Amino acid sequence: MCLTRVGKVIDIAGTNARVRFLDTKEERNVDVTAVEAKRGSYVEVFATSAISRITKREAELKASLRVELLRRTGRIQ
């Protein structure tokens, strides 16, 4: 099963963005070619590409659901 992750865009350089994921707080480079991302916006990420721009409320809800799923499967405490 593949899940998306959500994060906040920290910085953008061309078609790449530095994204801080809400579930783990880790930062990674993400391809934002397919979305209209800007600094401070929230994106949904699949693999290494942003697939949609979402609201802060949606991002927080999806992140909390992912954290709960990870807890229930024993992947995080």
C-alpha atoms as a PDB file:
ATOM      1  CA  MET A   1       0.000   0.000   0.000  1.00  0.00           C
ATOM      2  CA  CYS A   2       1.350   3.407  -0.959  1.00  0.00           C
ATOM      3  CA  LEU A   3       0.424   6.480   1.024  1.00  0.00           C
ATOM      4  CA  THR A   4       0.924  10.124   0.353  1.00  0.00           C
ATOM      5  CA  ARG A   5       2.551  12.454   2.841  1.00  0.00           C
ATOM      6  CA  VAL A   6       1.832  16.091   3.489  1.00  0.00           C
ATOM      7  CA  GLY A   7       4.243  18.894   4.151  1.00  0.00           C
ATOM      8  CA  LYS A   8       4.869  22.605   4.147  1.00  0.00           C
ATOM      9  CA  VAL A   9       6.996  24.195   1.447  1.00  0.00           C
ATOM     10  CA  ILE A  10      10.012  25.799   3.105  1.00  0.00           C
ATOM     11  CA  ASP A  11      11.837  27.035   0.014  1.00  0.00           C
ATOM     12  CA  ILE A  12      11.627  26.731  -3.775  1.00  0.00           C
ATOM     13  CA  ALA A  13      14.402  26.611  -6.365  1.00  0.00           C
ATOM     14  CA  GLY A  14      13.094  26.146  -9.900  1.00  0.00           C
ATOM     15  CA  THR A  15      10.929  23.032 -10.026  1.00  0.00           C
ATOM     16  CA  ASN A  16      12.233  21.671  -6.723  1.00  0.00           C
ATOM     17  CA  ALA A  17      11.021  22.595  -3.271  1.00  0.00           C
ATOM     18  CA  ARG A  18      12.325  21.909   0.202  1.00  0.00           C
ATOM     19  CA  VAL A  19       9.355  20.406   2.078  1.00  0.00           C
ATOM     20  CA  ARG A  20       9.046  19.788   5.827  1.00  0.00           C
ATOM     21  CA  PHE A  21       6.755  16.809   6.391  1.00  0.00           C
ATOM     22  CA  LEU A  22       4.187  17.316   9.123  1.00  0.00           C
ATOM     23  CA  ASP A  23       4.272  13.756  10.453  1.00  0.00           C
ATOM     24  CA  THR A  24       8.011  13.434  11.140  1.00  0.00           C
ATOM     25  CA  LYS A  25       9.308  17.013  10.728  1.00  0.00           C
ATOM     26  CA  GLU A  26      11.981  15.724   8.333  1.00  0.00           C
ATOM     27  CA  GLU A  27      12.838  17.837   5.301  1.00  0.00           C
ATOM     28  CA  ARG A  28      13.299  16.597   1.753  1.00  0.00           C
ATOM     29  CA  ASN A  29      13.550  17.937  -1.767  1.00  0.00           C
ATOM     30  CA  VAL A  30      10.362  17.422  -3.757  1.00  0.00           C
ATOM     31  CA  ASP A  31       9.560  17.981  -7.428  1.00  0.00           C
ATOM     32  CA  VAL A  32       6.766  20.575  -7.668  1.00  0.00           C
ATOM     33  CA  THR A  33       6.407  20.663 -11.447  1.00  0.00           C
ATOM     34  CA  ALA A  34       2.785  19.415 -11.323  1.00  0.00           C
ATOM     35  CA  VAL A  35       1.506  21.900  -8.722  1.00  0.00           C
ATOM     36  CA  GLU A  36       1.442  25.633  -8.226  1.00  0.00           C
ATOM     37  CA  ALA A  37       3.472  25.605  -5.027  1.00  0.00           C
ATOM     38  CA  LYS A  38       4.861  28.625  -3.267  1.00  0.00           C
ATOM     39  CA  ARG A  39       6.765  29.174  -0.059  1.00  0.00           C
ATOM     40  CA  GLY A  40       4.471  28.505   2.902  1.00  0.00           C
ATOM     41  CA  SER A  41       1.943  26.422   0.974  1.00  0.00           C
ATOM     42  CA  TYR A  42       1.046  22.849   1.844  1.00  0.00           C
ATOM     43  CA  VAL A  43       1.451  19.996  -0.609  1.00  0.00           C
ATOM     44  CA  GLU A  44       0.550  16.334  -0.801  1.00  0.00           C
ATOM     45  CA  VAL A  45       3.547  14.253  -1.863  1.00  0.00           C
ATOM     46  CA  PHE A  46       3.706  10.840  -3.499  1.00  0.00           C
ATOM     47  CA  ALA A  47       7.204   9.335  -3.726  1.00  0.00           C
ATOM     48  CA  THR A  48       9.332  12.383  -4.614  1.00  0.00           C
ATOM     49  CA  SER A  49       6.709  14.538  -6.373  1.00  0.00           C
ATOM     50  CA  ALA A  50       4.053  16.913  -5.112  1.00  0.00           C
ATOM     51  CA  ILE A  51       0.715  15.839  -6.574  1.00  0.00           C
ATOM     52  CA  SER A  52      -1.562  18.542  -5.183  1.00  0.00           C
ATOM     53  CA  ARG A  53      -1.629  21.736  -3.201  1.00  0.00           C
ATOM     54  CA  ILE A  54      -3.915  21.562  -0.171  1.00  0.00           C
ATOM     55  CA  THR A  55      -5.082  23.821   2.641  1.00  0.00           C
ATOM     56  CA  LYS A  56      -3.411  23.927   6.032  1.00  0.00           C
ATOM     57  CA  ARG A  57      -6.498  22.324   7.570  1.00  0.00           C
ATOM     58  CA  GLU A  58      -6.432  19.431   5.079  1.00  0.00           C
ATOM     59  CA  ALA A  59      -2.694  18.986   5.652  1.00  0.00           C
ATOM     60  CA  GLU A  60      -3.073  18.825   9.430  1.00  0.00           C
ATOM     61  CA  LEU A  61      -5.937  16.329   9.185  1.00  0.00           C
ATOM     62  CA  LYS A  62      -4.076  14.052   6.754  1.00  0.00           C
ATOM     63  CA  ALA A  63      -0.906  14.232   8.855  1.00  0.00           C
ATOM     64  CA  SER A  64      -2.778  13.256  12.011  1.00  0.00           C
ATOM     65  CA  LEU A  65      -4.386  10.315  10.200  1.00  0.00           C
ATOM     66  CA  ARG A  66      -0.975   9.157   8.975  1.00  0.00           C
ATOM     67  CA  VAL A  67       0.522   9.404  12.472  1.00  0.00           C
ATOM     68  CA  GLU A  68      -2.379   7.373  13.866  1.00  0.00           C
ATOM     69  CA  LEU A  69      -1.919   4.726  11.167  1.00  0.00           C
ATOM     70  CA  LEU A  70       1.802   4.503  11.915  1.00  0.00           C
ATOM     71  CA  ARG A  71       1.093   4.149  15.649  1.00  0.00           C
ATOM     72  CA  ARG A  72      -1.446   1.383  15.078  1.00  0.00           C
ATOM     73  CA  THR A  73       0.967  -0.551  12.865  1.00  0.00           C
ATOM     74  CA  GLY A  74       3.790  -0.152  15.383  1.00  0.00           C
ATOM     75  CA  ARG A  75       6.014   1.941  13.115  1.00  0.00           C
ATOM     76  CA  ILE A  76       6.187   4.818  15.614  1.00  0.00           C
ATOM     77  CA  GLN A  77       5.506   5.106  19.339  1.00  0.00           C
END
